[in-house]
């Protein structure tokens, strides 16, 4: 499944921090 998905342009990162969103897990001011 991974082979097909990544052939379709999907990217996988081992750590959520690698996505580098500003502050996505903040529960009062995300």
ModelCIF file with pLDDT and N, C-alpha, C, O atoms, coordinates in Angstrom:
data_MODEL
#
_entry.id   MODEL 
#
_entity.id                         1 
_entity.type                       polymer 
_entity.pdbx_number_of_molecules   1 
#
_entity_poly.entity_id                      1 
_entity_poly.type                           'polypeptide(L)' 
_entity_poly.nstd_linkage                   no 
_entity_poly.nstd_monomer                   no 
_entity_poly.pdbx_seq_one_letter_code       
;(UNK)(UNK)(UNK)(UNK)(UNK)(UNK)(UNK)(UNK)(UNK)(UNK)(UNK)(UNK)(UNK)(UNK)(UNK)(UNK)
(UNK)(UNK)(UNK)(UNK)(UNK)(UNK)(UNK)(UNK)(UNK)(UNK)(UNK)(UNK)(UNK)(UNK)
;
_entity_poly.pdbx_seq_one_letter_code_can   XXXXXXXXXXXXXXXXXXXXXXXXXXXXXX 
_entity_poly.pdbx_strand_id                 A 
#
loop_
_entity_poly_seq.entity_id 
_entity_poly_seq.num 
_entity_poly_seq.mon_id 
_entity_poly_seq.hetero 
1 1  UNK n 
1 2  UNK n 
1 3  UNK n 
1 4  UNK n 
1 5  UNK n 
1 6  UNK n 
1 7  UNK n 
1 8  UNK n 
1 9  UNK n 
1 10 UNK n 
1 11 UNK n 
1 12 UNK n 
1 13 UNK n 
1 14 UNK n 
1 15 UNK n 
1 16 UNK n 
1 17 UNK n 
1 18 UNK n 
1 19 UNK n 
1 20 UNK n 
1 21 UNK n 
1 22 UNK n 
1 23 UNK n 
1 24 UNK n 
1 25 UNK n 
1 26 UNK n 
1 27 UNK n 
1 28 UNK n 
1 29 UNK n 
1 30 UNK n 
#
_struct_asym.id          A 
_struct_asym.entity_id   1 
#
loop_
_ma_qa_metric.id 
_ma_qa_metric.mode 
_ma_qa_metric.name 
_ma_qa_metric.software_group_id 
_ma_qa_metric.type 
1 global pLDDT . pLDDT 
2 local  pLDDT . pLDDT 
#
_ma_qa_metric_global.metric_id      1 
_ma_qa_metric_global.metric_value   96.07 
_ma_qa_metric_global.model_id       1 
_ma_qa_metric_global.ordinal_id     1 
#
loop_
_ma_qa_metric_local.label_asym_id 
_ma_qa_metric_local.label_comp_id 
_ma_qa_metric_local.label_seq_id 
_ma_qa_metric_local.metric_id 
_ma_qa_metric_local.metric_value 
_ma_qa_metric_local.model_id 
_ma_qa_metric_local.ordinal_id 
A UNK 1  2 98.00 1 1  
A UNK 2  2 97.00 1 2  
A UNK 3  2 98.00 1 3  
A UNK 4  2 98.00 1 4  
A UNK 5  2 98.00 1 5  
A UNK 6  2 97.00 1 6  
A UNK 7  2 98.00 1 7  
A UNK 8  2 97.00 1 8  
A UNK 9  2 98.00 1 9  
A UNK 10 2 98.00 1 10 
A UNK 11 2 98.00 1 11 
A UNK 12 2 97.00 1 12 
A UNK 13 2 97.00 1 13 
A UNK 14 2 93.00 1 14 
A UNK 15 2 92.00 1 15 
A UNK 16 2 92.00 1 16 
A UNK 17 2 93.00 1 17 
A UNK 18 2 97.00 1 18 
A UNK 19 2 97.00 1 19 
A UNK 20 2 98.00 1 20 
A UNK 21 2 97.00 1 21 
A UNK 22 2 98.00 1 22 
A UNK 23 2 96.00 1 23 
A UNK 24 2 96.00 1 24 
A UNK 25 2 92.00 1 25 
A UNK 26 2 93.00 1 26 
A UNK 27 2 92.00 1 27 
A UNK 28 2 94.00 1 28 
A UNK 29 2 96.00 1 29 
A UNK 30 2 97.00 1 30 
#
loop_
_atom_site.group_PDB 
_atom_site.id 
_atom_site.type_symbol 
_atom_site.label_atom_id 
_atom_site.label_alt_id 
_atom_site.label_comp_id 
_atom_site.label_asym_id 
_atom_site.label_entity_id 
_atom_site.label_seq_id 
_atom_site.pdbx_PDB_ins_code 
_atom_site.Cartn_x 
_atom_site.Cartn_y 
_atom_site.Cartn_z 
_atom_site.occupancy 
_atom_site.B_iso_or_equiv 
_atom_site.pdbx_formal_charge 
_atom_site.auth_seq_id 
_atom_site.auth_comp_id 
_atom_site.auth_asym_id 
_atom_site.auth_atom_id 
_atom_site.pdbx_PDB_model_num 
ATOM 1   N N  . UNK A 1 1  ? 0.838  -1.197 0.000  1.00 98.00 ? 1  UNK A N  1 
ATOM 2   C CA . UNK A 1 1  ? 0.000  0.000  0.000  1.00 98.00 ? 1  UNK A CA 1 
ATOM 3   C C  . UNK A 1 1  ? 0.878  1.254  0.000  1.00 98.00 ? 1  UNK A C  1 
ATOM 4   O O  . UNK A 1 1  ? 0.585  2.226  -0.696 1.00 98.00 ? 1  UNK A O  1 
ATOM 5   N N  . UNK A 1 2  ? 1.942  1.222  0.777  1.00 97.00 ? 2  UNK A N  1 
ATOM 6   C CA . UNK A 1 2  ? 2.863  2.360  0.830  1.00 97.00 ? 2  UNK A CA 1 
ATOM 7   C C  . UNK A 1 2  ? 3.478  2.636  -0.538 1.00 97.00 ? 2  UNK A C  1 
ATOM 8   O O  . UNK A 1 2  ? 3.615  3.793  -0.937 1.00 97.00 ? 2  UNK A O  1 
ATOM 9   N N  . UNK A 1 3  ? 3.845  1.590  -1.249 1.00 98.00 ? 3  UNK A N  1 
ATOM 10  C CA . UNK A 1 3  ? 4.451  1.775  -2.570 1.00 98.00 ? 3  UNK A CA 1 
ATOM 11  C C  . UNK A 1 3  ? 3.508  2.516  -3.512 1.00 98.00 ? 3  UNK A C  1 
ATOM 12  O O  . UNK A 1 3  ? 3.921  3.443  -4.209 1.00 98.00 ? 3  UNK A O  1 
ATOM 13  N N  . UNK A 1 4  ? 2.251  2.107  -3.532 1.00 98.00 ? 4  UNK A N  1 
ATOM 14  C CA . UNK A 1 4  ? 1.299  2.798  -4.410 1.00 98.00 ? 4  UNK A CA 1 
ATOM 15  C C  . UNK A 1 4  ? 1.074  4.227  -3.942 1.00 98.00 ? 4  UNK A C  1 
ATOM 16  O O  . UNK A 1 4  ? 1.070  5.154  -4.752 1.00 98.00 ? 4  UNK A O  1 
ATOM 17  N N  . UNK A 1 5  ? 0.884  4.412  -2.629 1.00 98.00 ? 5  UNK A N  1 
ATOM 18  C CA . UNK A 1 5  ? 0.599  5.741  -2.107 1.00 98.00 ? 5  UNK A CA 1 
ATOM 19  C C  . UNK A 1 5  ? 1.744  6.706  -2.389 1.00 98.00 ? 5  UNK A C  1 
ATOM 20  O O  . UNK A 1 5  ? 1.505  7.854  -2.766 1.00 98.00 ? 5  UNK A O  1 
ATOM 21  N N  . UNK A 1 6  ? 2.966  6.262  -2.213 1.00 97.00 ? 6  UNK A N  1 
ATOM 22  C CA . UNK A 1 6  ? 4.089  7.166  -2.414 1.00 97.00 ? 6  UNK A CA 1 
ATOM 23  C C  . UNK A 1 6  ? 4.371  7.386  -3.900 1.00 97.00 ? 6  UNK A C  1 
ATOM 24  O O  . UNK A 1 6  ? 4.968  8.396  -4.274 1.00 97.00 ? 6  UNK A O  1 
ATOM 25  N N  . UNK A 1 7  ? 3.947  6.454  -4.740 1.00 98.00 ? 7  UNK A N  1 
ATOM 26  C CA . UNK A 1 7  ? 3.992  6.698  -6.190 1.00 98.00 ? 7  UNK A CA 1 
ATOM 27  C C  . UNK A 1 7  ? 2.981  7.769  -6.596 1.00 98.00 ? 7  UNK A C  1 
ATOM 28  O O  . UNK A 1 7  ? 3.124  8.400  -7.644 1.00 98.00 ? 7  UNK A O  1 
ATOM 29  N N  . UNK A 1 8  ? 1.952  7.973  -5.758 1.00 97.00 ? 8  UNK A N  1 
ATOM 30  C CA . UNK A 1 8  ? 0.931  8.990  -6.006 1.00 97.00 ? 8  UNK A CA 1 
ATOM 31  C C  . UNK A 1 8  ? 1.270  10.333 -5.358 1.00 97.00 ? 8  UNK A C  1 
ATOM 32  O O  . UNK A 1 8  ? 0.404  11.199 -5.237 1.00 97.00 ? 8  UNK A O  1 
ATOM 33  N N  . UNK A 1 9  ? 2.521  10.507 -4.945 1.00 98.00 ? 9  UNK A N  1 
ATOM 34  C CA . UNK A 1 9  ? 2.968  11.799 -4.445 1.00 98.00 ? 9  UNK A CA 1 
ATOM 35  C C  . UNK A 1 9  ? 2.812  12.027 -2.967 1.00 98.00 ? 9  UNK A C  1 
ATOM 36  O O  . UNK A 1 9  ? 2.999  13.148 -2.494 1.00 98.00 ? 9  UNK A O  1 
ATOM 37  N N  . UNK A 1 10 ? 2.468  10.979 -2.211 1.00 98.00 ? 10 UNK A N  1 
ATOM 38  C CA . UNK A 1 10 ? 2.342  11.134 -0.764 1.00 98.00 ? 10 UNK A CA 1 
ATOM 39  C C  . UNK A 1 10 ? 3.714  11.032 -0.099 1.00 98.00 ? 10 UNK A C  1 
ATOM 40  O O  . UNK A 1 10 ? 4.574  10.265 -0.532 1.00 98.00 ? 10 UNK A O  1 
ATOM 41  N N  . UNK A 1 11 ? 3.903  11.824 0.967  1.00 98.00 ? 11 UNK A N  1 
ATOM 42  C CA . UNK A 1 11 ? 5.190  11.857 1.669  1.00 98.00 ? 11 UNK A CA 1 
ATOM 43  C C  . UNK A 1 11 ? 4.996  11.425 3.120  1.00 98.00 ? 11 UNK A C  1 
ATOM 44  O O  . UNK A 1 11 ? 3.988  11.748 3.748  1.00 98.00 ? 11 UNK A O  1 
ATOM 45  N N  . UNK A 1 12 ? 5.961  10.701 3.632  1.00 97.00 ? 12 UNK A N  1 
ATOM 46  C CA . UNK A 1 12 ? 5.886  10.160 4.987  1.00 97.00 ? 12 UNK A CA 1 
ATOM 47  C C  . UNK A 1 12 ? 7.053  10.704 5.808  1.00 97.00 ? 12 UNK A C  1 
ATOM 48  O O  . UNK A 1 12 ? 8.194  10.740 5.348  1.00 97.00 ? 12 UNK A O  1 
ATOM 49  N N  . UNK A 1 13 ? 6.735  11.134 7.052  1.00 97.00 ? 13 UNK A N  1 
ATOM 50  C CA . UNK A 1 13 ? 7.757  11.609 7.975  1.00 97.00 ? 13 UNK A CA 1 
ATOM 51  C C  . UNK A 1 13 ? 7.656  10.812 9.272  1.00 97.00 ? 13 UNK A C  1 
ATOM 52  O O  . UNK A 1 13 ? 6.559  10.514 9.746  1.00 97.00 ? 13 UNK A O  1 
ATOM 53  N N  . UNK A 1 14 ? 8.802  10.475 9.834  1.00 93.00 ? 14 UNK A N  1 
ATOM 54  C CA . UNK A 1 14 ? 8.826  9.646  11.034 1.00 93.00 ? 14 UNK A CA 1 
ATOM 55  C C  . UNK A 1 14 ? 8.372  10.406 12.268 1.00 93.00 ? 14 UNK A C  1 
ATOM 56  O O  . UNK A 1 14 ? 7.830  9.805  13.196 1.00 93.00 ? 14 UNK A O  1 
ATOM 57  N N  . UNK A 1 15 ? 8.583  11.719 12.298 1.00 92.00 ? 15 UNK A N  1 
ATOM 58  C CA . UNK A 1 15 ? 8.274  12.528 13.473 1.00 92.00 ? 15 UNK A CA 1 
ATOM 59  C C  . UNK A 1 15 ? 7.348  13.665 13.073 1.00 92.00 ? 15 UNK A C  1 
ATOM 60  O O  . UNK A 1 15 ? 7.580  14.345 12.073 1.00 92.00 ? 15 UNK A O  1 
ATOM 61  N N  . UNK A 1 16 ? 6.303  13.867 13.857 1.00 92.00 ? 16 UNK A N  1 
ATOM 62  C CA . UNK A 1 16 ? 5.337  14.916 13.537 1.00 92.00 ? 16 UNK A CA 1 
ATOM 63  C C  . UNK A 1 16 ? 5.979  16.300 13.508 1.00 92.00 ? 16 UNK A C  1 
ATOM 64  O O  . UNK A 1 16 ? 5.506  17.189 12.799 1.00 92.00 ? 16 UNK A O  1 
ATOM 65  N N  . UNK A 1 17 ? 7.071  16.488 14.286 1.00 93.00 ? 17 UNK A N  1 
ATOM 66  C CA . UNK A 1 17 ? 7.730  17.793 14.328 1.00 93.00 ? 17 UNK A CA 1 
ATOM 67  C C  . UNK A 1 17 ? 8.356  18.155 12.983 1.00 93.00 ? 17 UNK A C  1 
ATOM 68  O O  . UNK A 1 17 ? 8.587  19.331 12.701 1.00 93.00 ? 17 UNK A O  1 
ATOM 69  N N  . UNK A 1 18 ? 8.626  17.160 12.161 1.00 97.00 ? 18 UNK A N  1 
ATOM 70  C CA . UNK A 1 18 ? 9.254  17.413 10.859 1.00 97.00 ? 18 UNK A CA 1 
ATOM 71  C C  . UNK A 1 18 ? 8.314  18.149 9.902  1.00 97.00 ? 18 UNK A C  1 
ATOM 72  O O  . UNK A 1 18 ? 8.766  18.723 8.912  1.00 97.00 ? 18 UNK A O  1 
ATOM 73  N N  . UNK A 1 19 ? 7.033  18.135 10.184 1.00 97.00 ? 19 UNK A N  1 
ATOM 74  C CA . UNK A 1 19 ? 6.085  18.849 9.326  1.00 97.00 ? 19 UNK A CA 1 
ATOM 75  C C  . UNK A 1 19 ? 6.206  20.356 9.529  1.00 97.00 ? 19 UNK A C  1 
ATOM 76  O O  . UNK A 1 19 ? 5.884  21.131 8.628  1.00 97.00 ? 19 UNK A O  1 
ATOM 77  N N  . UNK A 1 20 ? 6.667  20.776 10.704 1.00 98.00 ? 20 UNK A N  1 
ATOM 78  C CA . UNK A 1 20 ? 6.979  22.174 10.991 1.00 98.00 ? 20 UNK A CA 1 
ATOM 79  C C  . UNK A 1 20 ? 5.763  23.098 10.858 1.00 98.00 ? 20 UNK A C  1 
ATOM 80  O O  . UNK A 1 20 ? 5.811  24.116 10.167 1.00 98.00 ? 20 UNK A O  1 
ATOM 81  N N  . UNK A 1 21 ? 4.684  22.723 11.528 1.00 97.00 ? 21 UNK A N  1 
ATOM 82  C CA . UNK A 1 21 ? 3.604  23.684 11.716 1.00 97.00 ? 21 UNK A CA 1 
ATOM 83  C C  . UNK A 1 21 ? 3.937  24.546 12.932 1.00 97.00 ? 21 UNK A C  1 
ATOM 84  O O  . UNK A 1 21 ? 4.698  24.125 13.803 1.00 97.00 ? 21 UNK A O  1 
ATOM 85  N N  . UNK A 1 22 ? 3.372  25.747 12.995 1.00 98.00 ? 22 UNK A N  1 
ATOM 86  C CA . UNK A 1 22 ? 3.784  26.718 14.012 1.00 98.00 ? 22 UNK A CA 1 
ATOM 87  C C  . UNK A 1 22 ? 3.525  26.218 15.432 1.00 98.00 ? 22 UNK A C  1 
ATOM 88  O O  . UNK A 1 22 ? 4.455  26.160 16.236 1.00 98.00 ? 22 UNK A O  1 
ATOM 89  N N  . UNK A 1 23 ? 2.277  25.855 15.760 1.00 96.00 ? 23 UNK A N  1 
ATOM 90  C CA . UNK A 1 23 ? 1.937  25.388 17.111 1.00 96.00 ? 23 UNK A CA 1 
ATOM 91  C C  . UNK A 1 23 ? 0.628  24.609 17.046 1.00 96.00 ? 23 UNK A C  1 
ATOM 92  O O  . UNK A 1 23 ? -0.375 25.048 17.609 1.00 96.00 ? 23 UNK A O  1 
ATOM 93  N N  . UNK A 1 24 ? 0.621  23.452 16.363 1.00 96.00 ? 24 UNK A N  1 
ATOM 94  C CA . UNK A 1 24 ? -0.655 22.795 16.053 1.00 96.00 ? 24 UNK A CA 1 
ATOM 95  C C  . UNK A 1 24 ? -1.301 22.062 17.212 1.00 96.00 ? 24 UNK A C  1 
ATOM 96  O O  . UNK A 1 24 ? -2.496 21.774 17.151 1.00 96.00 ? 24 UNK A O  1 
ATOM 97  N N  . UNK A 1 25 ? -0.547 21.741 18.285 1.00 92.00 ? 25 UNK A N  1 
ATOM 98  C CA . UNK A 1 25 ? -1.115 20.958 19.381 1.00 92.00 ? 25 UNK A CA 1 
ATOM 99  C C  . UNK A 1 25 ? -1.562 21.818 20.558 1.00 92.00 ? 25 UNK A C  1 
ATOM 100 O O  . UNK A 1 25 ? -1.964 21.284 21.592 1.00 92.00 ? 25 UNK A O  1 
ATOM 101 N N  . UNK A 1 26 ? -1.502 23.108 20.421 1.00 93.00 ? 26 UNK A N  1 
ATOM 102 C CA . UNK A 1 26 ? -1.930 24.028 21.481 1.00 93.00 ? 26 UNK A CA 1 
ATOM 103 C C  . UNK A 1 26 ? -3.457 23.979 21.594 1.00 93.00 ? 26 UNK A C  1 
ATOM 104 O O  . UNK A 1 26 ? -4.162 24.258 20.624 1.00 93.00 ? 26 UNK A O  1 
ATOM 105 N N  . UNK A 1 27 ? -3.963 23.626 22.772 1.00 92.00 ? 27 UNK A N  1 
ATOM 106 C CA . UNK A 1 27 ? -5.400 23.392 22.919 1.00 92.00 ? 27 UNK A CA 1 
ATOM 107 C C  . UNK A 1 27 ? -6.209 24.645 23.249 1.00 92.00 ? 27 UNK A C  1 
ATOM 108 O O  . UNK A 1 27 ? -7.436 24.580 23.315 1.00 92.00 ? 27 UNK A O  1 
ATOM 109 N N  . UNK A 1 28 ? -5.554 25.768 23.456 1.00 94.00 ? 28 UNK A N  1 
ATOM 110 C CA . UNK A 1 28 ? -6.296 27.008 23.700 1.00 94.00 ? 28 UNK A CA 1 
ATOM 111 C C  . UNK A 1 28 ? -5.998 28.081 22.664 1.00 94.00 ? 28 UNK A C  1 
ATOM 112 O O  . UNK A 1 28 ? -6.774 29.024 22.506 1.00 94.00 ? 28 UNK A O  1 
ATOM 113 N N  . UNK A 1 29 ? -4.879 27.947 21.956 1.00 96.00 ? 29 UNK A N  1 
ATOM 114 C CA . UNK A 1 29 ? -4.531 28.947 20.940 1.00 96.00 ? 29 UNK A CA 1 
ATOM 115 C C  . UNK A 1 29 ? -3.678 28.307 19.843 1.00 96.00 ? 29 UNK A C  1 
ATOM 116 O O  . UNK A 1 29 ? -2.528 28.699 19.643 1.00 96.00 ? 29 UNK A O  1 
ATOM 117 N N  . UNK A 1 30 ? -4.234 27.334 19.141 1.00 97.00 ? 30 UNK A N  1 
ATOM 118 C CA . UNK A 1 30 ? -3.423 26.617 18.146 1.00 97.00 ? 30 UNK A CA 1 
ATOM 119 C C  . UNK A 1 30 ? -3.072 27.497 16.958 1.00 97.00 ? 30 UNK A C  1 
ATOM 120 O O  . UNK A 1 30 ? -2.395 27.045 16.034 1.00 97.00 ? 30 UNK A O  1 
#
